[in-house]
N, C-alpha and C. Protein backbone atom coordinates (compact mmCIF):
# COMPACT_ATOMS: atom_id res chain seq x y z
N MET A 1 -11.20 -10.37 -53.65
CA MET A 1 -9.83 -10.49 -53.19
C MET A 1 -9.06 -11.31 -54.22
N ALA A 2 -8.14 -10.65 -54.89
CA ALA A 2 -7.34 -11.32 -55.92
C ALA A 2 -5.98 -11.70 -55.34
N LEU A 3 -5.73 -12.98 -55.27
CA LEU A 3 -4.45 -13.48 -54.78
C LEU A 3 -3.83 -14.35 -55.85
N ARG A 4 -2.52 -14.25 -56.00
CA ARG A 4 -1.80 -15.08 -56.96
C ARG A 4 -0.46 -15.48 -56.37
N VAL A 5 -0.05 -16.67 -56.68
CA VAL A 5 1.30 -17.11 -56.30
C VAL A 5 1.97 -17.60 -57.58
N SER A 6 3.29 -17.48 -57.61
CA SER A 6 4.05 -17.85 -58.79
C SER A 6 5.10 -18.88 -58.45
N ARG A 7 5.07 -19.97 -59.17
CA ARG A 7 6.10 -20.98 -58.98
C ARG A 7 7.45 -20.49 -59.50
N ARG A 8 7.45 -19.55 -60.42
CA ARG A 8 8.70 -18.95 -60.89
C ARG A 8 9.38 -18.18 -59.77
N ALA A 9 8.59 -17.51 -58.94
CA ALA A 9 9.16 -16.78 -57.81
C ALA A 9 9.80 -17.74 -56.82
N VAL A 10 9.24 -18.94 -56.71
CA VAL A 10 9.82 -19.95 -55.81
C VAL A 10 11.22 -20.29 -56.28
N VAL A 11 11.39 -20.45 -57.58
CA VAL A 11 12.71 -20.73 -58.14
C VAL A 11 13.66 -19.58 -57.82
N ALA A 12 13.12 -18.36 -57.79
CA ALA A 12 13.94 -17.18 -57.48
C ALA A 12 14.15 -17.00 -55.98
N GLY A 13 13.58 -17.89 -55.17
CA GLY A 13 13.83 -17.85 -53.73
C GLY A 13 12.71 -17.30 -52.88
N VAL A 14 11.53 -17.05 -53.45
CA VAL A 14 10.40 -16.55 -52.67
C VAL A 14 9.36 -17.66 -52.57
N SER A 15 9.19 -18.22 -51.38
CA SER A 15 8.29 -19.37 -51.20
C SER A 15 6.84 -18.99 -51.47
N LEU A 16 6.04 -19.99 -51.76
CA LEU A 16 4.60 -19.77 -51.95
C LEU A 16 4.00 -19.17 -50.68
N GLN A 17 4.42 -19.67 -49.54
CA GLN A 17 3.94 -19.17 -48.25
C GLN A 17 4.27 -17.68 -48.10
N ALA A 18 5.50 -17.30 -48.42
CA ALA A 18 5.91 -15.89 -48.30
C ALA A 18 5.12 -15.01 -49.26
N GLN A 19 4.87 -15.50 -50.46
CA GLN A 19 4.10 -14.72 -51.44
C GLN A 19 2.68 -14.48 -50.93
N LEU A 20 2.03 -15.52 -50.45
CA LEU A 20 0.67 -15.40 -49.96
C LEU A 20 0.60 -14.50 -48.74
N TYR A 21 1.52 -14.68 -47.81
CA TYR A 21 1.57 -13.84 -46.61
C TYR A 21 1.70 -12.37 -47.00
N ARG A 22 2.65 -12.07 -47.86
CA ARG A 22 2.91 -10.68 -48.26
C ARG A 22 1.66 -10.06 -48.89
N GLN A 23 0.99 -10.80 -49.76
CA GLN A 23 -0.20 -10.27 -50.42
C GLN A 23 -1.32 -9.99 -49.43
N LEU A 24 -1.55 -10.91 -48.50
CA LEU A 24 -2.61 -10.70 -47.52
C LEU A 24 -2.29 -9.52 -46.60
N VAL A 25 -1.05 -9.42 -46.15
CA VAL A 25 -0.66 -8.29 -45.29
C VAL A 25 -0.84 -6.97 -46.04
N GLU A 26 -0.41 -6.92 -47.29
CA GLU A 26 -0.55 -5.69 -48.07
C GLU A 26 -2.02 -5.31 -48.22
N GLN A 27 -2.88 -6.29 -48.48
CA GLN A 27 -4.31 -5.99 -48.63
C GLN A 27 -4.94 -5.55 -47.32
N ILE A 28 -4.53 -6.16 -46.22
CA ILE A 28 -5.06 -5.76 -44.91
C ILE A 28 -4.58 -4.36 -44.56
N ASP A 29 -3.28 -4.10 -44.71
CA ASP A 29 -2.72 -2.80 -44.35
C ASP A 29 -3.24 -1.67 -45.23
N ALA A 30 -3.52 -1.97 -46.51
CA ALA A 30 -4.02 -0.96 -47.43
C ALA A 30 -5.52 -0.72 -47.26
N GLY A 31 -6.18 -1.58 -46.47
CA GLY A 31 -7.62 -1.43 -46.27
C GLY A 31 -8.45 -2.12 -47.33
N ALA A 32 -7.80 -2.78 -48.28
CA ALA A 32 -8.55 -3.54 -49.29
C ALA A 32 -9.31 -4.69 -48.62
N LEU A 33 -8.74 -5.21 -47.54
CA LEU A 33 -9.43 -6.16 -46.67
C LEU A 33 -9.66 -5.42 -45.36
N ALA A 34 -10.82 -4.85 -45.22
CA ALA A 34 -11.13 -4.03 -44.06
C ALA A 34 -11.44 -4.89 -42.84
N GLU A 35 -11.43 -4.25 -41.69
CA GLU A 35 -11.78 -4.94 -40.45
C GLU A 35 -13.17 -5.58 -40.60
N GLY A 36 -13.24 -6.85 -40.24
CA GLY A 36 -14.49 -7.59 -40.34
C GLY A 36 -14.64 -8.36 -41.64
N ALA A 37 -13.77 -8.08 -42.62
CA ALA A 37 -13.84 -8.79 -43.90
C ALA A 37 -13.58 -10.28 -43.68
N ARG A 38 -14.41 -11.09 -44.29
CA ARG A 38 -14.26 -12.54 -44.19
C ARG A 38 -13.25 -13.03 -45.21
N LEU A 39 -12.42 -13.96 -44.81
CA LEU A 39 -11.46 -14.57 -45.71
C LEU A 39 -12.01 -15.91 -46.17
N PRO A 40 -11.65 -16.33 -47.37
CA PRO A 40 -12.10 -17.65 -47.82
C PRO A 40 -11.56 -18.74 -46.89
N ALA A 41 -12.26 -19.84 -46.84
CA ALA A 41 -11.79 -20.98 -46.06
C ALA A 41 -10.43 -21.42 -46.59
N ALA A 42 -9.59 -21.93 -45.70
CA ALA A 42 -8.24 -22.35 -46.09
C ALA A 42 -8.29 -23.37 -47.22
N ARG A 43 -9.21 -24.28 -47.15
CA ARG A 43 -9.32 -25.32 -48.18
C ARG A 43 -9.65 -24.69 -49.54
N ALA A 44 -10.60 -23.76 -49.55
CA ALA A 44 -10.99 -23.10 -50.80
C ALA A 44 -9.85 -22.23 -51.34
N MET A 45 -9.16 -21.53 -50.45
CA MET A 45 -8.05 -20.68 -50.87
C MET A 45 -6.93 -21.54 -51.46
N ALA A 46 -6.63 -22.66 -50.81
CA ALA A 46 -5.59 -23.56 -51.30
C ALA A 46 -5.96 -24.10 -52.69
N ARG A 47 -7.21 -24.46 -52.86
CA ARG A 47 -7.67 -24.98 -54.15
C ARG A 47 -7.57 -23.90 -55.23
N GLN A 48 -8.00 -22.68 -54.90
CA GLN A 48 -7.96 -21.56 -55.85
C GLN A 48 -6.52 -21.25 -56.28
N LEU A 49 -5.60 -21.27 -55.33
CA LEU A 49 -4.21 -20.92 -55.62
C LEU A 49 -3.37 -22.11 -56.09
N ARG A 50 -3.98 -23.30 -55.99
CA ARG A 50 -3.27 -24.54 -56.36
C ARG A 50 -2.01 -24.74 -55.53
N VAL A 51 -2.19 -24.55 -54.22
CA VAL A 51 -1.12 -24.81 -53.25
C VAL A 51 -1.67 -25.77 -52.20
N SER A 52 -0.80 -26.27 -51.36
CA SER A 52 -1.27 -27.19 -50.32
C SER A 52 -2.03 -26.41 -49.24
N ARG A 53 -2.92 -27.11 -48.59
CA ARG A 53 -3.66 -26.50 -47.49
C ARG A 53 -2.71 -26.12 -46.36
N ASN A 54 -1.64 -26.90 -46.18
CA ASN A 54 -0.65 -26.58 -45.15
C ASN A 54 -0.01 -25.22 -45.40
N THR A 55 0.21 -24.86 -46.66
CA THR A 55 0.77 -23.55 -47.00
C THR A 55 -0.16 -22.45 -46.54
N VAL A 56 -1.44 -22.60 -46.85
CA VAL A 56 -2.44 -21.59 -46.45
C VAL A 56 -2.58 -21.56 -44.94
N ASP A 57 -2.66 -22.72 -44.31
CA ASP A 57 -2.80 -22.77 -42.85
C ASP A 57 -1.63 -22.09 -42.15
N ALA A 58 -0.43 -22.29 -42.64
CA ALA A 58 0.75 -21.66 -42.01
C ALA A 58 0.65 -20.14 -42.08
N VAL A 59 0.17 -19.63 -43.21
CA VAL A 59 0.01 -18.17 -43.35
C VAL A 59 -1.08 -17.67 -42.40
N MET A 60 -2.18 -18.39 -42.32
CA MET A 60 -3.29 -17.98 -41.44
C MET A 60 -2.87 -18.00 -39.97
N VAL A 61 -2.10 -19.00 -39.58
CA VAL A 61 -1.61 -19.08 -38.20
C VAL A 61 -0.73 -17.87 -37.90
N ARG A 62 0.13 -17.51 -38.83
CA ARG A 62 1.01 -16.35 -38.63
C ARG A 62 0.21 -15.05 -38.54
N LEU A 63 -0.77 -14.88 -39.43
CA LEU A 63 -1.60 -13.67 -39.39
C LEU A 63 -2.38 -13.59 -38.08
N GLN A 64 -2.85 -14.73 -37.59
CA GLN A 64 -3.56 -14.74 -36.32
C GLN A 64 -2.62 -14.39 -35.17
N ALA A 65 -1.42 -14.94 -35.18
CA ALA A 65 -0.45 -14.65 -34.12
C ALA A 65 -0.08 -13.17 -34.10
N GLU A 66 -0.09 -12.54 -35.25
CA GLU A 66 0.21 -11.11 -35.34
C GLU A 66 -0.98 -10.23 -35.01
N GLY A 67 -2.15 -10.84 -34.80
CA GLY A 67 -3.34 -10.07 -34.46
C GLY A 67 -4.03 -9.44 -35.66
N ARG A 68 -3.73 -9.91 -36.84
CA ARG A 68 -4.35 -9.34 -38.05
C ARG A 68 -5.67 -10.01 -38.39
N ILE A 69 -5.82 -11.29 -38.03
CA ILE A 69 -7.06 -12.01 -38.30
C ILE A 69 -7.46 -12.79 -37.06
N VAL A 70 -8.72 -13.20 -37.04
CA VAL A 70 -9.20 -14.11 -36.02
C VAL A 70 -9.76 -15.32 -36.75
N ARG A 71 -9.47 -16.50 -36.23
CA ARG A 71 -9.94 -17.74 -36.83
C ARG A 71 -10.87 -18.43 -35.84
N ARG A 72 -12.02 -18.85 -36.34
CA ARG A 72 -12.98 -19.56 -35.49
C ARG A 72 -13.45 -20.79 -36.25
N VAL A 73 -13.35 -21.94 -35.60
CA VAL A 73 -13.80 -23.18 -36.21
C VAL A 73 -15.29 -23.06 -36.50
N GLY A 74 -15.66 -23.36 -37.72
CA GLY A 74 -17.06 -23.30 -38.12
C GLY A 74 -17.52 -21.93 -38.59
N SER A 75 -16.76 -20.88 -38.23
CA SER A 75 -17.14 -19.53 -38.63
C SER A 75 -16.18 -18.92 -39.64
N GLY A 76 -15.02 -19.53 -39.80
CA GLY A 76 -14.04 -19.02 -40.75
C GLY A 76 -13.13 -17.98 -40.15
N SER A 77 -12.45 -17.27 -41.00
CA SER A 77 -11.47 -16.27 -40.58
C SER A 77 -11.93 -14.89 -41.02
N ALA A 78 -11.59 -13.90 -40.20
CA ALA A 78 -11.97 -12.52 -40.53
C ALA A 78 -10.84 -11.59 -40.11
N VAL A 79 -10.73 -10.48 -40.82
CA VAL A 79 -9.73 -9.46 -40.51
C VAL A 79 -10.15 -8.75 -39.23
N VAL A 80 -9.22 -8.58 -38.30
CA VAL A 80 -9.52 -7.86 -37.06
C VAL A 80 -8.76 -6.57 -36.95
N ARG A 81 -7.75 -6.40 -37.79
CA ARG A 81 -7.02 -5.13 -37.76
C ARG A 81 -6.63 -4.78 -39.18
N SER A 82 -7.04 -3.60 -39.62
CA SER A 82 -6.75 -3.21 -40.99
C SER A 82 -5.70 -2.10 -41.05
N THR A 83 -5.03 -1.82 -39.94
CA THR A 83 -3.96 -0.83 -39.94
C THR A 83 -2.66 -1.50 -39.55
N PRO A 84 -1.55 -1.00 -40.05
CA PRO A 84 -0.28 -1.59 -39.68
C PRO A 84 -0.03 -1.49 -38.19
N PRO A 85 0.68 -2.46 -37.59
CA PRO A 85 0.93 -2.45 -36.16
C PRO A 85 1.62 -1.19 -35.68
N SER A 86 2.45 -0.56 -36.50
CA SER A 86 3.17 0.64 -36.07
C SER A 86 2.30 1.89 -36.07
N ALA A 87 1.10 1.83 -36.65
CA ALA A 87 0.25 3.02 -36.73
C ALA A 87 -0.32 3.42 -35.38
N SER A 88 -0.46 2.48 -34.49
CA SER A 88 -0.97 2.78 -33.15
C SER A 88 -0.03 2.13 -32.14
N ARG A 89 0.58 2.96 -31.30
CA ARG A 89 1.52 2.40 -30.32
C ARG A 89 1.15 2.88 -28.93
N VAL A 90 1.61 2.15 -27.95
CA VAL A 90 1.31 2.48 -26.56
C VAL A 90 2.38 3.43 -26.04
N ASP A 91 1.93 4.53 -25.38
CA ASP A 91 2.91 5.46 -24.81
C ASP A 91 3.34 4.98 -23.44
N ASP A 92 4.21 5.73 -22.77
CA ASP A 92 4.78 5.31 -21.49
C ASP A 92 3.75 5.15 -20.38
N GLU A 93 2.62 5.85 -20.46
CA GLU A 93 1.59 5.72 -19.43
C GLU A 93 0.59 4.62 -19.72
N GLY A 94 0.78 3.91 -20.83
CA GLY A 94 -0.14 2.81 -21.13
C GLY A 94 -1.27 3.21 -22.04
N GLY A 95 -1.38 4.49 -22.39
CA GLY A 95 -2.41 4.93 -23.31
C GLY A 95 -1.92 4.77 -24.73
N THR A 96 -2.78 5.06 -25.70
CA THR A 96 -2.35 4.95 -27.09
C THR A 96 -1.92 6.30 -27.60
N ASN A 97 -1.02 6.26 -28.54
CA ASN A 97 -0.54 7.46 -29.19
C ASN A 97 -0.74 7.25 -30.68
N ASP A 98 -1.81 7.79 -31.21
CA ASP A 98 -2.16 7.58 -32.62
C ASP A 98 -1.69 8.72 -33.50
N GLY A 99 -0.49 9.12 -33.37
CA GLY A 99 -0.02 10.11 -34.32
C GLY A 99 0.72 11.13 -33.66
């Protein structure tokens, strides 16, 4: 999993948090991070990207709230959905409509 953030983009108005979030969502939606794929620990990811752990944690919290990842203390984080939210929707009877 190759992730990069640019401080130049921050000057242009794109926060480090937004850059990281966008990259992770793109990789999850494209299937590059498939369901069940483990994500690096927030501390390790922050160190690798040279950003604060709070930046990484904020992104992980958002991804979890969206149902894209699951976070477990001691077990790390893993992808739980590798398709975009709009790909599967609930029809009027409560069933799914996948296409």
